[in-house]
Amino acid sequence: MSAEKLKDKILYLRLRKKDKEAFVKVYNLYFDDIYRFIYFKVGNKEEAEDISSSVFLKTWDYIQNNNLGEFKSLKPFLYQVARNNVIDHYRKKSSVENLSLDHKDSRELEDEKQDVVKDIDLQRDYEEIIKGLQKLKDEYREVLIMRHVNELSISEIAESLNKTKGNVRVLIYRATKALKDVLKE
């Protein structure tokens, strides 16, 4: 087991015991990833911030009420709560809004651990991928963001989507193929 997975497991066990310090660590550790995931789904910075905050509030409620379910680790649980909050957001909104990612907002999503945009060619490719993601169906966009932007494992994605690992692999393959087809156009 990697150090990161072990750390995640320990935090998760501490959360099950309603440890407030562990929750603060979880918030600091995963907020940016959850925000980025939600941002790619709603396309609006303010809404993504609100929904992200709501994810952690609901997570704390689940912890307090011992409703963490059968999840084996923390990341899948957080992503499932995030997915459900995005669905609730769209239900409340009553109409699905088109994603509107402009150059300025997408640069704010850069992961500090990565040097995503080294030069102009990379930036152009990045913008084409963002536009391509907008054209994919939601399920494909979601799985690609989880896998390639937030770097979740197949197991974590499977657990958060409530699918088998095999189904997730097929879904990632189809989503990647669909994105390649969109980018060729």
N, C-alpha and C. Protein backbone atom coordinates (compact mmCIF):
# COMPACT_ATOMS: atom_id res chain seq x y z
N MET A 1 0.86 -1.18 0.00
CA MET A 1 0.00 0.00 0.00
C MET A 1 0.90 1.24 0.00
N SER A 2 0.59 2.18 -0.89
CA SER A 2 1.41 3.40 -0.98
C SER A 2 1.18 4.28 0.24
N ALA A 3 2.12 5.20 0.44
CA ALA A 3 2.03 6.11 1.59
C ALA A 3 0.77 6.96 1.51
N GLU A 4 0.41 7.38 0.29
CA GLU A 4 -0.79 8.22 0.12
C GLU A 4 -2.06 7.45 0.48
N LYS A 5 -2.13 6.20 0.03
CA LYS A 5 -3.31 5.39 0.33
C LYS A 5 -3.40 5.08 1.83
N LEU A 6 -2.25 4.86 2.44
CA LEU A 6 -2.23 4.60 3.88
C LEU A 6 -2.69 5.84 4.64
N LYS A 7 -2.21 7.00 4.23
CA LYS A 7 -2.61 8.26 4.86
C LYS A 7 -4.12 8.47 4.71
N ASP A 8 -4.63 8.19 3.51
CA ASP A 8 -6.06 8.30 3.24
C ASP A 8 -6.85 7.36 4.15
N LYS A 9 -6.38 6.14 4.28
CA LYS A 9 -7.05 5.13 5.10
C LYS A 9 -7.09 5.55 6.57
N ILE A 10 -5.97 6.08 7.06
CA ILE A 10 -5.90 6.52 8.46
C ILE A 10 -6.85 7.69 8.69
N LEU A 11 -6.85 8.66 7.76
CA LEU A 11 -7.78 9.78 7.89
C LEU A 11 -9.23 9.30 7.88
N TYR A 12 -9.51 8.36 7.01
CA TYR A 12 -10.87 7.82 6.92
C TYR A 12 -11.30 7.15 8.23
N LEU A 13 -10.39 6.38 8.81
CA LEU A 13 -10.70 5.73 10.09
C LEU A 13 -10.89 6.77 11.20
N ARG A 14 -10.09 7.82 11.17
CA ARG A 14 -10.26 8.89 12.16
C ARG A 14 -11.59 9.60 11.96
N LEU A 15 -12.00 9.78 10.72
CA LEU A 15 -13.29 10.41 10.45
C LEU A 15 -14.44 9.57 10.98
N ARG A 16 -14.33 8.28 10.83
CA ARG A 16 -15.37 7.39 11.35
C ARG A 16 -15.53 7.56 12.86
N LYS A 17 -14.47 8.03 13.52
CA LYS A 17 -14.52 8.29 14.96
C LYS A 17 -14.85 9.75 15.25
N LYS A 18 -15.27 10.48 14.21
CA LYS A 18 -15.72 11.87 14.33
C LYS A 18 -14.62 12.82 14.80
N ASP A 19 -13.41 12.59 14.32
CA ASP A 19 -12.25 13.41 14.67
C ASP A 19 -12.26 14.70 13.85
N LYS A 20 -12.44 15.85 14.53
CA LYS A 20 -12.53 17.14 13.85
C LYS A 20 -11.21 17.53 13.19
N GLU A 21 -10.08 17.22 13.82
CA GLU A 21 -8.79 17.54 13.23
C GLU A 21 -8.59 16.77 11.92
N ALA A 22 -9.02 15.53 11.90
CA ALA A 22 -8.92 14.73 10.69
C ALA A 22 -9.77 15.34 9.58
N PHE A 23 -10.93 15.85 9.94
CA PHE A 23 -11.80 16.47 8.95
C PHE A 23 -11.14 17.72 8.36
N VAL A 24 -10.49 18.52 9.19
CA VAL A 24 -9.79 19.71 8.70
C VAL A 24 -8.68 19.29 7.73
N LYS A 25 -7.97 18.22 8.06
CA LYS A 25 -6.91 17.72 7.18
C LYS A 25 -7.50 17.25 5.85
N VAL A 26 -8.61 16.55 5.92
CA VAL A 26 -9.29 16.08 4.71
C VAL A 26 -9.70 17.26 3.84
N TYR A 27 -10.27 18.26 4.47
CA TYR A 27 -10.68 19.47 3.75
C TYR A 27 -9.49 20.10 3.04
N ASN A 28 -8.41 20.30 3.76
CA ASN A 28 -7.22 20.93 3.18
C ASN A 28 -6.59 20.06 2.09
N LEU A 29 -6.65 18.77 2.27
CA LEU A 29 -6.04 17.84 1.33
C LEU A 29 -6.83 17.69 0.03
N TYR A 30 -8.16 17.67 0.13
CA TYR A 30 -8.98 17.33 -1.04
C TYR A 30 -9.82 18.46 -1.61
N PHE A 31 -9.85 19.61 -0.99
CA PHE A 31 -10.73 20.68 -1.48
C PHE A 31 -10.42 21.05 -2.93
N ASP A 32 -9.14 21.25 -3.26
CA ASP A 32 -8.78 21.67 -4.62
C ASP A 32 -9.20 20.63 -5.66
N ASP A 33 -9.00 19.35 -5.34
CA ASP A 33 -9.39 18.29 -6.29
C ASP A 33 -10.89 18.26 -6.49
N ILE A 34 -11.63 18.36 -5.40
CA ILE A 34 -13.10 18.34 -5.49
C ILE A 34 -13.59 19.57 -6.25
N TYR A 35 -13.00 20.72 -5.95
CA TYR A 35 -13.37 21.96 -6.64
C TYR A 35 -13.14 21.82 -8.15
N ARG A 36 -11.98 21.31 -8.53
CA ARG A 36 -11.64 21.16 -9.95
C ARG A 36 -12.64 20.22 -10.63
N PHE A 37 -12.95 19.12 -9.97
CA PHE A 37 -13.92 18.16 -10.50
C PHE A 37 -15.27 18.83 -10.73
N ILE A 38 -15.74 19.56 -9.73
CA ILE A 38 -17.04 20.23 -9.83
C ILE A 38 -17.01 21.34 -10.86
N TYR A 39 -15.92 22.08 -10.91
CA TYR A 39 -15.81 23.18 -11.87
C TYR A 39 -15.97 22.67 -13.31
N PHE A 40 -15.33 21.55 -13.60
CA PHE A 40 -15.44 21.00 -14.95
C PHE A 40 -16.87 20.55 -15.25
N LYS A 41 -17.66 20.30 -14.24
CA LYS A 41 -19.03 19.87 -14.45
C LYS A 41 -20.01 21.03 -14.53
N VAL A 42 -19.75 22.13 -13.79
CA VAL A 42 -20.70 23.24 -13.80
C VAL A 42 -20.23 24.43 -14.61
N GLY A 43 -18.91 24.58 -14.79
CA GLY A 43 -18.37 25.63 -15.65
C GLY A 43 -18.45 27.04 -15.08
N ASN A 44 -18.74 27.18 -13.82
CA ASN A 44 -18.86 28.50 -13.22
C ASN A 44 -18.09 28.50 -11.90
N LYS A 45 -17.17 29.44 -11.75
CA LYS A 45 -16.28 29.47 -10.59
C LYS A 45 -17.06 29.60 -9.27
N GLU A 46 -17.98 30.54 -9.21
CA GLU A 46 -18.72 30.77 -7.97
C GLU A 46 -19.59 29.58 -7.59
N GLU A 47 -20.27 29.01 -8.59
CA GLU A 47 -21.10 27.84 -8.32
C GLU A 47 -20.24 26.66 -7.86
N ALA A 48 -19.08 26.50 -8.49
CA ALA A 48 -18.18 25.40 -8.12
C ALA A 48 -17.70 25.57 -6.68
N GLU A 49 -17.40 26.80 -6.30
CA GLU A 49 -16.97 27.06 -4.92
C GLU A 49 -18.09 26.73 -3.93
N ASP A 50 -19.30 27.18 -4.25
CA ASP A 50 -20.45 26.91 -3.37
C ASP A 50 -20.71 25.41 -3.23
N ILE A 51 -20.72 24.73 -4.36
CA ILE A 51 -20.99 23.29 -4.34
C ILE A 51 -19.88 22.55 -3.60
N SER A 52 -18.63 22.96 -3.81
CA SER A 52 -17.50 22.32 -3.13
C SER A 52 -17.63 22.47 -1.62
N SER A 53 -17.99 23.66 -1.18
CA SER A 53 -18.19 23.88 0.25
C SER A 53 -19.32 22.99 0.77
N SER A 54 -20.38 22.90 -0.02
CA SER A 54 -21.51 22.07 0.35
C SER A 54 -21.11 20.59 0.47
N VAL A 55 -20.21 20.14 -0.40
CA VAL A 55 -19.73 18.76 -0.35
C VAL A 55 -19.12 18.47 1.02
N PHE A 56 -18.30 19.38 1.49
CA PHE A 56 -17.63 19.13 2.76
C PHE A 56 -18.59 19.30 3.95
N LEU A 57 -19.56 20.18 3.82
CA LEU A 57 -20.57 20.29 4.89
C LEU A 57 -21.39 19.01 4.97
N LYS A 58 -21.80 18.49 3.81
CA LYS A 58 -22.57 17.25 3.81
C LYS A 58 -21.73 16.08 4.30
N THR A 59 -20.45 16.08 3.92
CA THR A 59 -19.57 15.02 4.38
C THR A 59 -19.49 15.03 5.90
N TRP A 60 -19.37 16.22 6.49
CA TRP A 60 -19.33 16.31 7.95
C TRP A 60 -20.65 15.83 8.55
N ASP A 61 -21.77 16.16 7.92
CA ASP A 61 -23.07 15.66 8.39
C ASP A 61 -23.12 14.13 8.34
N TYR A 62 -22.63 13.56 7.24
CA TYR A 62 -22.60 12.10 7.13
C TYR A 62 -21.75 11.50 8.25
N ILE A 63 -20.63 12.13 8.53
CA ILE A 63 -19.75 11.64 9.59
C ILE A 63 -20.46 11.68 10.93
N GLN A 64 -21.09 12.80 11.22
CA GLN A 64 -21.78 12.97 12.51
C GLN A 64 -22.92 11.98 12.69
N ASN A 65 -23.55 11.61 11.57
CA ASN A 65 -24.70 10.70 11.63
C ASN A 65 -24.32 9.25 11.34
N ASN A 66 -23.02 8.98 11.31
CA ASN A 66 -22.51 7.62 11.02
C ASN A 66 -23.06 7.06 9.71
N ASN A 67 -23.12 7.90 8.69
CA ASN A 67 -23.65 7.49 7.39
C ASN A 67 -22.57 7.41 6.31
N LEU A 68 -21.39 6.94 6.66
CA LEU A 68 -20.33 6.83 5.67
C LEU A 68 -20.50 5.60 4.78
N GLY A 69 -21.45 4.79 5.11
CA GLY A 69 -21.77 3.65 4.26
C GLY A 69 -20.68 2.59 4.22
N GLU A 70 -20.64 1.92 3.09
CA GLU A 70 -19.74 0.80 2.92
C GLU A 70 -18.45 1.18 2.20
N PHE A 71 -18.17 2.46 2.10
CA PHE A 71 -16.96 2.88 1.41
C PHE A 71 -15.73 2.41 2.17
N LYS A 72 -14.72 1.98 1.40
CA LYS A 72 -13.50 1.47 2.00
C LYS A 72 -12.44 2.56 2.15
N SER A 73 -12.59 3.63 1.39
CA SER A 73 -11.62 4.72 1.48
C SER A 73 -12.33 6.05 1.27
N LEU A 74 -11.59 7.10 1.49
CA LEU A 74 -12.15 8.44 1.56
C LEU A 74 -12.45 9.07 0.19
N LYS A 75 -11.51 8.99 -0.74
CA LYS A 75 -11.68 9.66 -2.03
C LYS A 75 -12.97 9.27 -2.74
N PRO A 76 -13.25 8.00 -2.89
CA PRO A 76 -14.51 7.64 -3.57
C PRO A 76 -15.74 8.22 -2.88
N PHE A 77 -15.72 8.23 -1.57
CA PHE A 77 -16.84 8.79 -0.83
C PHE A 77 -17.02 10.27 -1.16
N LEU A 78 -15.91 11.03 -1.12
CA LEU A 78 -15.97 12.47 -1.42
C LEU A 78 -16.47 12.72 -2.85
N TYR A 79 -15.99 11.92 -3.80
CA TYR A 79 -16.42 12.11 -5.18
C TYR A 79 -17.89 11.75 -5.37
N GLN A 80 -18.37 10.76 -4.65
CA GLN A 80 -19.79 10.44 -4.75
C GLN A 80 -20.64 11.58 -4.18
N VAL A 81 -20.22 12.13 -3.06
CA VAL A 81 -20.94 13.28 -2.49
C VAL A 81 -20.89 14.45 -3.47
N ALA A 82 -19.74 14.67 -4.09
CA ALA A 82 -19.60 15.76 -5.07
C ALA A 82 -20.53 15.53 -6.27
N ARG A 83 -20.54 14.31 -6.79
CA ARG A 83 -21.42 14.00 -7.92
C ARG A 83 -22.88 14.25 -7.56
N ASN A 84 -23.28 13.80 -6.38
CA ASN A 84 -24.67 13.98 -5.95
C ASN A 84 -25.00 15.46 -5.77
N ASN A 85 -24.05 16.24 -5.27
CA ASN A 85 -24.29 17.67 -5.11
C ASN A 85 -24.43 18.38 -6.45
N VAL A 86 -23.67 17.96 -7.43
CA VAL A 86 -23.79 18.54 -8.77
C VAL A 86 -25.17 18.20 -9.35
N ILE A 87 -25.59 16.96 -9.17
CA ILE A 87 -26.92 16.55 -9.65
C ILE A 87 -28.00 17.38 -8.96
N ASP A 88 -27.88 17.54 -7.65
CA ASP A 88 -28.85 18.37 -6.91
C ASP A 88 -28.83 19.81 -7.42
N HIS A 89 -27.65 20.31 -7.70
CA HIS A 89 -27.50 21.68 -8.21
C HIS A 89 -28.29 21.84 -9.50
N TYR A 90 -28.14 20.89 -10.42
CA TYR A 90 -28.85 20.98 -11.69
C TYR A 90 -30.35 20.77 -11.52
N ARG A 91 -30.73 19.94 -10.58
CA ARG A 91 -32.16 19.76 -10.32
C ARG A 91 -32.78 21.06 -9.83
N LYS A 92 -32.08 21.73 -8.94
CA LYS A 92 -32.58 23.00 -8.42
C LYS A 92 -32.61 24.06 -9.50
N LYS A 93 -31.66 24.02 -10.36
CA LYS A 93 -31.56 25.01 -11.42
C LYS A 93 -32.63 24.81 -12.49
N SER A 94 -33.11 23.58 -12.62
CA SER A 94 -34.17 23.20 -13.56
C SER A 94 -33.76 23.18 -15.02
N SER A 95 -32.68 23.84 -15.36
CA SER A 95 -32.21 23.76 -16.74
C SER A 95 -30.70 23.64 -16.74
N VAL A 96 -30.22 22.74 -17.58
CA VAL A 96 -28.79 22.52 -17.65
C VAL A 96 -28.13 23.67 -18.39
N GLU A 97 -27.10 24.21 -17.76
CA GLU A 97 -26.37 25.34 -18.32
C GLU A 97 -25.19 24.81 -19.14
N ASN A 98 -24.91 25.44 -20.27
CA ASN A 98 -23.76 25.04 -21.07
C ASN A 98 -22.48 25.40 -20.33
N LEU A 99 -21.49 24.53 -20.44
CA LEU A 99 -20.20 24.83 -19.84
C LEU A 99 -19.59 26.03 -20.55
N SER A 100 -19.04 26.92 -19.76
CA SER A 100 -18.40 28.10 -20.31
C SER A 100 -17.04 28.25 -19.66
N LEU A 101 -16.06 27.61 -20.25
CA LEU A 101 -14.71 27.69 -19.71
C LEU A 101 -13.92 28.67 -20.56
N ASP A 102 -13.53 29.78 -19.98
CA ASP A 102 -12.69 30.68 -20.74
C ASP A 102 -11.26 30.54 -20.26
N HIS A 103 -10.35 31.13 -20.99
CA HIS A 103 -8.93 31.00 -20.74
C HIS A 103 -8.57 31.40 -19.32
N LYS A 104 -9.11 32.48 -18.84
CA LYS A 104 -8.78 33.01 -17.51
C LYS A 104 -9.16 32.01 -16.41
N ASP A 105 -10.40 31.52 -16.44
CA ASP A 105 -10.85 30.61 -15.39
C ASP A 105 -10.12 29.27 -15.44
N SER A 106 -9.85 28.74 -16.63
CA SER A 106 -9.22 27.44 -16.72
C SER A 106 -7.80 27.48 -16.19
N ARG A 107 -7.12 28.60 -16.27
CA ARG A 107 -5.76 28.70 -15.74
C ARG A 107 -5.79 28.63 -14.22
N GLU A 108 -6.88 29.05 -13.60
CA GLU A 108 -6.98 29.00 -12.15
C GLU A 108 -7.10 27.57 -11.66
N LEU A 109 -7.38 26.64 -12.56
CA LEU A 109 -7.55 25.25 -12.18
C LEU A 109 -6.24 24.47 -12.16
N GLU A 110 -5.14 25.12 -12.49
CA GLU A 110 -3.88 24.41 -12.56
C GLU A 110 -3.54 23.80 -11.22
N ASP A 111 -3.09 22.58 -11.25
CA ASP A 111 -2.68 21.88 -10.05
C ASP A 111 -1.26 22.33 -9.73
N GLU A 112 -1.02 22.79 -8.52
CA GLU A 112 0.29 23.30 -8.14
C GLU A 112 1.36 22.22 -8.23
N LYS A 113 0.97 20.95 -8.16
CA LYS A 113 1.93 19.86 -8.21
C LYS A 113 2.38 19.59 -9.65
N GLN A 114 1.69 20.15 -10.63
CA GLN A 114 2.00 19.88 -12.03
C GLN A 114 2.32 21.18 -12.75
N ASP A 115 3.15 21.08 -13.77
CA ASP A 115 3.45 22.23 -14.62
C ASP A 115 2.73 21.99 -15.93
N VAL A 116 1.42 22.15 -15.94
CA VAL A 116 0.55 21.78 -17.05
C VAL A 116 0.82 22.63 -18.29
N VAL A 117 1.05 23.91 -18.08
CA VAL A 117 1.17 24.81 -19.21
C VAL A 117 2.58 25.37 -19.27
N LYS A 118 3.49 24.67 -19.97
CA LYS A 118 4.87 25.13 -20.07
C LYS A 118 5.06 26.13 -21.19
N ASP A 119 4.40 25.92 -22.27
CA ASP A 119 4.58 26.83 -23.40
C ASP A 119 3.27 26.99 -24.15
N ILE A 120 3.28 27.78 -25.19
CA ILE A 120 2.06 28.12 -25.93
C ILE A 120 1.44 26.89 -26.58
N ASP A 121 2.26 25.98 -27.09
CA ASP A 121 1.72 24.77 -27.72
C ASP A 121 0.92 23.94 -26.72
N LEU A 122 1.45 23.79 -25.53
CA LEU A 122 0.73 23.04 -24.51
C LEU A 122 -0.57 23.75 -24.14
N GLN A 123 -0.52 25.07 -24.07
CA GLN A 123 -1.73 25.83 -23.73
C GLN A 123 -2.81 25.63 -24.79
N ARG A 124 -2.41 25.64 -26.07
CA ARG A 124 -3.36 25.45 -27.15
C ARG A 124 -3.97 24.04 -27.08
N ASP A 125 -3.13 23.05 -26.83
CA ASP A 125 -3.63 21.68 -26.68
C ASP A 125 -4.60 21.58 -25.50
N TYR A 126 -4.23 22.22 -24.42
CA TYR A 126 -5.06 22.22 -23.21
C TYR A 126 -6.43 22.81 -23.50
N GLU A 127 -6.46 23.94 -24.20
CA GLU A 127 -7.73 24.59 -24.53
C GLU A 127 -8.57 23.73 -25.47
N GLU A 128 -7.92 23.04 -26.40
CA GLU A 128 -8.65 22.14 -27.31
C GLU A 128 -9.27 20.98 -26.54
N ILE A 129 -8.54 20.46 -25.57
CA ILE A 129 -9.07 19.36 -24.76
C ILE A 129 -10.26 19.84 -23.94
N ILE A 130 -10.15 21.03 -23.36
CA ILE A 130 -11.27 21.58 -22.58
C ILE A 130 -12.50 21.70 -23.48
N LYS A 131 -12.32 22.22 -24.68
CA LYS A 131 -13.45 22.36 -25.61
C LYS A 131 -13.99 20.98 -26.00
N GLY A 132 -13.08 20.02 -26.18
CA GLY A 132 -13.50 18.67 -26.51
C GLY A 132 -14.30 18.03 -25.38
N LEU A 133 -13.87 18.25 -24.14
CA LEU A 133 -14.58 17.71 -22.99
C LEU A 133 -16.01 18.23 -22.93
N GLN A 134 -16.20 19.48 -23.32
CA GLN A 134 -17.54 20.07 -23.30
C GLN A 134 -18.50 19.35 -24.24
N LYS A 135 -17.96 18.77 -25.29
CA LYS A 135 -18.80 18.11 -26.29
C LYS A 135 -19.14 16.67 -25.94
N LEU A 136 -18.48 16.12 -24.93
CA LEU A 136 -18.74 14.74 -24.53
C LEU A 136 -19.96 14.65 -23.64
N LYS A 137 -20.57 13.47 -23.62
CA LYS A 137 -21.68 13.29 -22.69
C LYS A 137 -21.12 13.32 -21.27
N ASP A 138 -21.97 13.66 -20.34
CA ASP A 138 -21.57 13.92 -18.96
C ASP A 138 -20.81 12.75 -18.33
N GLU A 139 -21.27 11.54 -18.56
CA GLU A 139 -20.64 10.36 -17.97
C GLU A 139 -19.19 10.23 -18.44
N TYR A 140 -18.93 10.48 -19.72
CA TYR A 140 -17.57 10.40 -20.26
C TYR A 140 -16.70 11.51 -19.68
N ARG A 141 -17.24 12.72 -19.67
CA ARG A 141 -16.48 13.86 -19.14
C ARG A 141 -16.10 13.60 -17.68
N GLU A 142 -17.05 13.11 -16.92
CA GLU A 142 -16.84 12.85 -15.50
C GLU A 142 -15.74 11.83 -15.26
N VAL A 143 -15.75 10.73 -15.97
CA VAL A 143 -14.77 9.68 -15.75
C VAL A 143 -13.38 10.14 -16.21
N LEU A 144 -13.30 10.92 -17.28
CA LEU A 144 -12.00 11.43 -17.74
C LEU A 144 -11.42 12.43 -16.75
N ILE A 145 -12.26 13.25 -16.17
CA ILE A 145 -11.79 14.22 -15.17
C ILE A 145 -11.28 13.47 -13.94
N MET A 146 -12.05 12.49 -13.49
CA MET A 146 -11.63 11.72 -12.31
C MET A 146 -10.28 11.04 -12.56
N ARG A 147 -10.13 10.44 -13.73
CA ARG A 147 -8.94 9.64 -14.01
C ARG A 147 -7.73 10.50 -14.35
N HIS A 148 -7.89 11.46 -15.25
CA HIS A 148 -6.74 12.17 -15.79
C HIS A 148 -6.48 13.54 -15.17
N VAL A 149 -7.50 14.18 -14.65
CA VAL A 149 -7.28 15.48 -14.02
C VAL A 149 -7.00 15.29 -12.53
N ASN A 150 -7.85 14.52 -11.87
CA ASN A 150 -7.69 14.33 -10.43
C ASN A 150 -6.95 13.05 -10.07
N GLU A 151 -6.58 12.27 -11.06
CA GLU A 151 -5.72 11.09 -10.92
C GLU A 151 -6.23 10.06 -9.92
N LEU A 152 -7.52 9.77 -9.98
CA LEU A 152 -8.08 8.72 -9.15
C LEU A 152 -7.75 7.37 -9.77
N SER A 153 -7.62 6.37 -8.94
CA SER A 153 -7.37 5.02 -9.44
C SER A 153 -8.67 4.43 -9.99
N ILE A 154 -8.53 3.36 -10.75
CA ILE A 154 -9.70 2.66 -11.29
C ILE A 154 -10.61 2.22 -10.13
N SER A 155 -10.01 1.72 -9.07
CA SER A 155 -10.80 1.27 -7.91
C SER A 155 -11.58 2.41 -7.27
N GLU A 156 -10.93 3.56 -7.13
CA GLU A 156 -11.59 4.71 -6.52
C GLU A 156 -12.74 5.21 -7.39
N ILE A 157 -12.51 5.22 -8.70
CA ILE A 157 -13.57 5.65 -9.62
C ILE A 157 -14.73 4.66 -9.56
N ALA A 158 -14.41 3.38 -9.59
CA ALA A 158 -15.44 2.34 -9.54
C ALA A 158 -16.28 2.48 -8.27
N GLU A 159 -15.62 2.71 -7.16
CA GLU A 159 -16.35 2.82 -5.89
C GLU A 159 -17.23 4.07 -5.88
N SER A 160 -16.72 5.19 -6.41
CA SER A 160 -17.52 6.42 -6.37
C SER A 160 -18.68 6.39 -7.37
N LEU A 161 -18.52 5.65 -8.48
CA LEU A 161 -19.59 5.54 -9.47
C LEU A 161 -20.49 4.34 -9.23
N ASN A 162 -20.13 3.53 -8.25
CA ASN A 162 -20.87 2.31 -7.94
C ASN A 162 -20.94 1.38 -9.15
N LYS A 163 -19.75 1.19 -9.77
CA LYS A 163 -19.61 0.30 -10.92
C LYS A 163 -18.47 -0.67 -10.66
N THR A 164 -18.36 -1.69 -11.47
CA THR A 164 -17.24 -2.61 -11.34
C THR A 164 -16.00 -1.98 -11.98
N LYS A 165 -14.83 -2.50 -11.61
CA LYS A 165 -13.59 -2.00 -12.19
C LYS A 165 -13.58 -2.21 -13.70
N GLY A 166 -14.09 -3.35 -14.13
CA GLY A 166 -14.16 -3.64 -15.57
C GLY A 166 -15.03 -2.63 -16.30
N ASN A 167 -16.18 -2.30 -15.72
CA ASN A 167 -17.06 -1.29 -16.33
C ASN A 167 -16.36 0.06 -16.42
N VAL A 168 -15.61 0.41 -15.38
CA VAL A 168 -14.91 1.69 -15.38
C VAL A 168 -13.82 1.70 -16.45
N ARG A 169 -13.09 0.62 -16.58
CA ARG A 169 -12.06 0.55 -17.64
C ARG A 169 -12.68 0.73 -19.03
N VAL A 170 -13.79 0.07 -19.26
CA VAL A 170 -14.47 0.19 -20.54
C VAL A 170 -14.97 1.63 -20.73
N LEU A 171 -15.52 2.20 -19.70
CA LEU A 171 -16.02 3.57 -19.75
C LEU A 171 -14.88 4.55 -20.06
N ILE A 172 -13.74 4.37 -19.42
CA ILE A 172 -12.58 5.24 -19.68
C ILE A 172 -12.11 5.06 -21.12
N TYR A 173 -12.06 3.82 -21.58
CA TYR A 173 -11.64 3.56 -22.96
C TYR A 173 -12.58 4.25 -23.95
N ARG A 174 -13.88 4.09 -23.75
CA ARG A 174 -14.86 4.70 -24.66
C ARG A 174 -14.81 6.22 -24.58
N ALA A 175 -14.65 6.76 -23.38
CA ALA A 175 -14.58 8.21 -23.20
C ALA A 175 -13.33 8.77 -23.88
N THR A 176 -12.22 8.07 -23.74
CA THR A 176 -10.97 8.51 -24.38
C THR A 176 -11.11 8.47 -25.90
N LYS A 177 -11.72 7.40 -26.40
CA LYS A 177 -11.94 7.29 -27.85
C LYS A 177 -12.86 8.40 -28.34
N ALA A 178 -13.91 8.67 -27.58
CA ALA A 178 -14.84 9.74 -27.97
C ALA A 178 -14.14 11.09 -27.97
N LEU A 179 -13.28 11.33 -26.97
CA LEU A 179 -12.55 12.60 -26.92
C LEU A 179 -11.59 12.70 -28.10
N LYS A 180 -10.91 11.62 -28.43
CA LYS A 180 -10.01 11.62 -29.59
C LYS A 180 -10.78 11.93 -30.86
N ASP A 181 -11.97 11.33 -31.02
CA ASP A 181 -12.79 11.58 -32.21
C ASP A 181 -13.22 13.03 -32.27
N VAL A 182 -13.60 13.60 -31.14
CA VAL A 182 -14.02 15.01 -31.09
C VAL A 182 -12.85 15.92 -31.44
N LEU A 183 -11.66 15.58 -30.95
CA LEU A 183 -10.49 16.42 -31.19
C LEU A 183 -10.02 16.34 -32.65
N LYS A 184 -10.32 15.23 -33.34
CA LYS A 184 -9.95 15.09 -34.75
C LYS A 184 -10.80 15.98 -35.65
N GLU A 185 -12.01 16.30 -35.20
CA GLU A 185 -12.94 17.10 -36.02
C GLU A 185 -12.42 18.49 -36.28
